[in-house]
Amino acid sequence: MSAVVSGAPTPATAGPSLQALRALPGFERGNPAYFENEVLDHLLGIVLELGAELWVVRDRQAFTEELLREQGIDLAARLQAGRPSDDLQAKLKAEREAMIKRVYGRLYSRYGGDKAAQKAAL
């Protein structure tokens, strides 16, 4: 059983050119607008980006733990006992700055924040 949204185009009403879909919010690529308030659109984009980032990390961590467990390495104990090398810390800092710009920069894109140097939250 599928729910039909009132007024939403269906393949039968959209036709082969899908003209009815062009009127829907977010149809245009690039910077979709779903809400009247631009900030809400940017916040939605941030939430979606963070969800994607989180899933990639969880996926990779689970796979890494599986590989290490197969090799007899207790990852949890090693993580509690150590800290990243200076080289890894520098790499992580650069990756964190890029993520902050990618995820939160779009919130300020109207004001040039997506192109600004990173200063806050670092």
C-alpha atoms as a PDB file:
ATOM      1  CA  MET A   1       0.000   0.000   0.000  1.00  0.00           C
ATOM      2  CA  SER A   2       1.537   3.297  -1.025  1.00  0.00           C
ATOM      3  CA  ALA A   3       0.560   6.759   0.111  1.00  0.00           C
ATOM      4  CA  VAL A   4      -0.223   9.338  -2.545  1.00  0.00           C
ATOM      5  CA  VAL A   5       0.443  12.965  -1.683  1.00  0.00           C
ATOM      6  CA  SER A   6      -2.494  15.132  -2.697  1.00  0.00           C
ATOM      7  CA  GLY A   7      -1.629  17.188  -5.754  1.00  0.00           C
ATOM      8  CA  ALA A   8       1.695  15.419  -6.320  1.00  0.00           C
ATOM      9  CA  PRO A   9       2.367  14.477  -9.926  1.00  0.00           C
ATOM     10  CA  THR A  10       2.257  10.836 -10.859  1.00  0.00           C
ATOM     11  CA  PRO A  11       3.892   9.242 -13.886  1.00  0.00           C
ATOM     12  CA  ALA A  12       0.465   9.355 -15.571  1.00  0.00           C
ATOM     13  CA  THR A  13       0.028  13.108 -15.024  1.00  0.00           C
ATOM     14  CA  ALA A  14       3.673  14.122 -15.418  1.00  0.00           C
ATOM     15  CA  GLY A  15       3.942  12.855 -18.973  1.00  0.00           C
ATOM     16  CA  PRO A  16       7.113  11.807 -20.725  1.00  0.00           C
ATOM     17  CA  SER A  17       8.811  15.190 -20.221  1.00  0.00           C
ATOM     18  CA  LEU A  18       8.073  15.256 -16.466  1.00  0.00           C
ATOM     19  CA  GLN A  19       7.093  18.930 -16.708  1.00  0.00           C
ATOM     20  CA  ALA A  20       5.015  18.714 -13.528  1.00  0.00           C
ATOM     21  CA  LEU A  21       8.128  17.818 -11.518  1.00  0.00           C
ATOM     22  CA  ARG A  22       9.893  21.019 -12.524  1.00  0.00           C
ATOM     23  CA  ALA A  23       7.555  23.012 -10.270  1.00  0.00           C
ATOM     24  CA  LEU A  24       8.480  21.012  -7.169  1.00  0.00           C
ATOM     25  CA  PRO A  25      10.875  22.523  -4.613  1.00  0.00           C
ATOM     26  CA  GLY A  26      14.393  21.241  -5.003  1.00  0.00           C
ATOM     27  CA  PHE A  27      14.044  20.164  -8.634  1.00  0.00           C
ATOM     28  CA  GLU A  28      16.875  22.354  -9.869  1.00  0.00           C
ATOM     29  CA  ARG A  29      20.368  21.055  -9.182  1.00  0.00           C
ATOM     30  CA  GLY A  30      22.948  23.072  -7.315  1.00  0.00           C
ATOM     31  CA  ASN A  31      21.244  24.892  -4.481  1.00  0.00           C
ATOM     32  CA  PRO A  32      17.770  23.429  -3.983  1.00  0.00           C
ATOM     33  CA  ALA A  33      15.168  25.446  -2.104  1.00  0.00           C
ATOM     34  CA  TYR A  34      12.580  23.535  -0.102  1.00  0.00           C
ATOM     35  CA  PHE A  35      11.470  26.184   2.390  1.00  0.00           C
ATOM     36  CA  GLU A  36      10.681  29.886   2.131  1.00  0.00           C
ATOM     37  CA  ASN A  37      13.399  30.637   4.672  1.00  0.00           C
ATOM     38  CA  GLU A  38      16.826  30.047   3.133  1.00  0.00           C
ATOM     39  CA  VAL A  39      18.378  29.294   6.522  1.00  0.00           C
ATOM     40  CA  LEU A  40      16.088  26.272   6.938  1.00  0.00           C
ATOM     41  CA  ASP A  41      17.274  24.942   3.578  1.00  0.00           C
ATOM     42  CA  HIS A  42      20.887  25.336   4.678  1.00  0.00           C
ATOM     43  CA  LEU A  43      20.197  23.657   8.029  1.00  0.00           C
ATOM     44  CA  LEU A  44      18.546  20.751   6.213  1.00  0.00           C
ATOM     45  CA  GLY A  45      21.636  20.460   4.010  1.00  0.00           C
ATOM     46  CA  ILE A  46      23.868  20.456   7.087  1.00  0.00           C
ATOM     47  CA  VAL A  47      21.826  17.720   8.765  1.00  0.00           C
ATOM     48  CA  LEU A  48      21.958  15.574   5.624  1.00  0.00           C
ATOM     49  CA  GLU A  49      25.706  16.122   5.218  1.00  0.00           C
ATOM     50  CA  LEU A  50      26.370  15.230   8.858  1.00  0.00           C
ATOM     51  CA  GLY A  51      24.282  12.085   8.516  1.00  0.00           C
ATOM     52  CA  ALA A  52      26.318  11.047   5.486  1.00  0.00           C
ATOM     53  CA  GLU A  53      29.595  11.799   7.278  1.00  0.00           C
ATOM     54  CA  LEU A  54      28.516   9.829  10.332  1.00  0.00           C
ATOM     55  CA  TRP A  55      27.512   6.796   8.304  1.00  0.00           C
ATOM     56  CA  VAL A  56      30.826   6.708   6.423  1.00  0.00           C
ATOM     57  CA  VAL A  57      32.711   6.809   9.719  1.00  0.00           C
ATOM     58  CA  ARG A  58      30.573   4.097  11.311  1.00  0.00           C
ATOM     59  CA  ASP A  59      30.892   1.887   8.243  1.00  0.00           C
ATOM     60  CA  ARG A  60      34.677   2.249   8.074  1.00  0.00           C
ATOM     61  CA  GLN A  61      35.098   1.806  11.825  1.00  0.00           C
ATOM     62  CA  ALA A  62      33.058  -1.402  11.873  1.00  0.00           C
ATOM     63  CA  PHE A  63      35.050  -2.807   8.956  1.00  0.00           C
ATOM     64  CA  THR A  64      38.365  -1.780  10.558  1.00  0.00           C
ATOM     65  CA  GLU A  65      37.389  -3.408  13.857  1.00  0.00           C
ATOM     66  CA  GLU A  66      36.418  -6.576  12.019  1.00  0.00           C
ATOM     67  CA  LEU A  67      39.745  -6.724  10.188  1.00  0.00           C
ATOM     68  CA  LEU A  68      41.712  -6.117  13.375  1.00  0.00           C
ATOM     69  CA  ARG A  69      39.686  -8.659  15.345  1.00  0.00           C
ATOM     70  CA  GLU A  70      40.520 -11.236  12.674  1.00  0.00           C
ATOM     71  CA  GLN A  71      44.196 -10.447  13.324  1.00  0.00           C
ATOM     72  CA  GLY A  72      43.802 -10.775  17.109  1.00  0.00           C
ATOM     73  CA  ILE A  73      44.149  -7.047  17.834  1.00  0.00           C
ATOM     74  CA  ASP A  74      42.023  -5.571  20.648  1.00  0.00           C
ATOM     75  CA  LEU A  75      41.325  -2.132  19.216  1.00  0.00           C
ATOM     76  CA  ALA A  76      39.409  -0.794  22.225  1.00  0.00           C
ATOM     77  CA  ALA A  77      42.302  -1.397  24.619  1.00  0.00           C
ATOM     78  CA  ARG A  78      44.834   0.146  22.247  1.00  0.00           C
ATOM     79  CA  LEU A  79      42.700   3.252  21.731  1.00  0.00           C
ATOM     80  CA  GLN A  80      42.342   3.755  25.496  1.00  0.00           C
ATOM     81  CA  ALA A  81      46.096   3.439  26.036  1.00  0.00           C
ATOM     82  CA  GLY A  82      47.414   5.684  23.279  1.00  0.00           C
ATOM     83  CA  ARG A  83      47.054   8.880  21.291  1.00  0.00           C
ATOM     84  CA  PRO A  84      47.513   9.705  17.604  1.00  0.00           C
ATOM     85  CA  SER A  85      51.005  10.551  16.367  1.00  0.00           C
ATOM     86  CA  ASP A  86      51.865  14.179  15.650  1.00  0.00           C
ATOM     87  CA  ASP A  87      51.629  13.465  11.897  1.00  0.00           C
ATOM     88  CA  LEU A  88      48.174  11.944  12.267  1.00  0.00           C
ATOM     89  CA  GLN A  89      47.030  14.825  14.477  1.00  0.00           C
ATOM     90  CA  ALA A  90      48.113  17.317  11.788  1.00  0.00           C
ATOM     91  CA  LYS A  91      46.295  15.317   9.105  1.00  0.00           C
ATOM     92  CA  LEU A  92      43.147  15.132  11.238  1.00  0.00           C
ATOM     93  CA  LYS A  93      43.266  18.886  11.860  1.00  0.00           C
ATOM     94  CA  ALA A  94      43.338  19.584   8.109  1.00  0.00           C
ATOM     95  CA  GLU A  95      40.505  17.125   7.494  1.00  0.00           C
ATOM     96  CA  ARG A  96      38.444  18.679  10.325  1.00  0.00           C
ATOM     97  CA  GLU A  97      38.891  22.164   8.821  1.00  0.00           C
ATOM     98  CA  ALA A  98      37.793  20.895   5.393  1.00  0.00           C
ATOM     99  CA  MET A  99      34.752  19.184   6.906  1.00  0.00           C
ATOM    100  CA  ILE A 100      33.743  22.311   8.831  1.00  0.00           C
ATOM    101  CA  LYS A 101      33.969  24.365   5.646  1.00  0.00           C
ATOM    102  CA  ARG A 102      32.064  21.772   3.609  1.00  0.00           C
ATOM    103  CA  VAL A 103      29.305  21.185   6.166  1.00  0.00           C
ATOM    104  CA  TYR A 104      28.835  24.592   7.749  1.00  0.00           C
ATOM    105  CA  GLY A 105      30.103  26.838   4.961  1.00  0.00           C
ATOM    106  CA  ARG A 106      26.847  26.532   3.066  1.00  0.00           C
ATOM    107  CA  LEU A 107      25.015  28.098   6.013  1.00  0.00           C
ATOM    108  CA  TYR A 108      26.868  31.319   5.239  1.00  0.00           C
ATOM    109  CA  SER A 109      27.155  30.949   1.462  1.00  0.00           C
ATOM    110  CA  ARG A 110      24.873  33.915   0.839  1.00  0.00           C
ATOM    111  CA  TYR A 111      27.359  36.066   2.729  1.00  0.00           C
ATOM    112  CA  GLY A 112      30.521  34.531   1.317  1.00  0.00           C
ATOM    113  CA  GLY A 113      31.109  32.286   4.338  1.00  0.00           C
ATOM    114  CA  ASP A 114      31.690  29.274   2.105  1.00  0.00           C
ATOM    115  CA  LYS A 115      34.785  31.078   0.725  1.00  0.00           C
ATOM    116  CA  ALA A 116      35.985  32.672   3.973  1.00  0.00           C
ATOM    117  CA  ALA A 117      39.049  31.531   5.882  1.00  0.00           C
ATOM    118  CA  GLN A 118      38.289  29.196   8.749  1.00  0.00           C
ATOM    119  CA  LYS A 119      38.645  30.882  12.119  1.00  0.00           C
ATOM    120  CA  ALA A 120      35.786  29.932  14.419  1.00  0.00           C
ATOM    121  CA  ALA A 121      35.021  26.390  15.594  1.00  0.00           C
ATOM    122  CA  LEU A 122      38.552  25.206  14.861  1.00  0.00           C
END
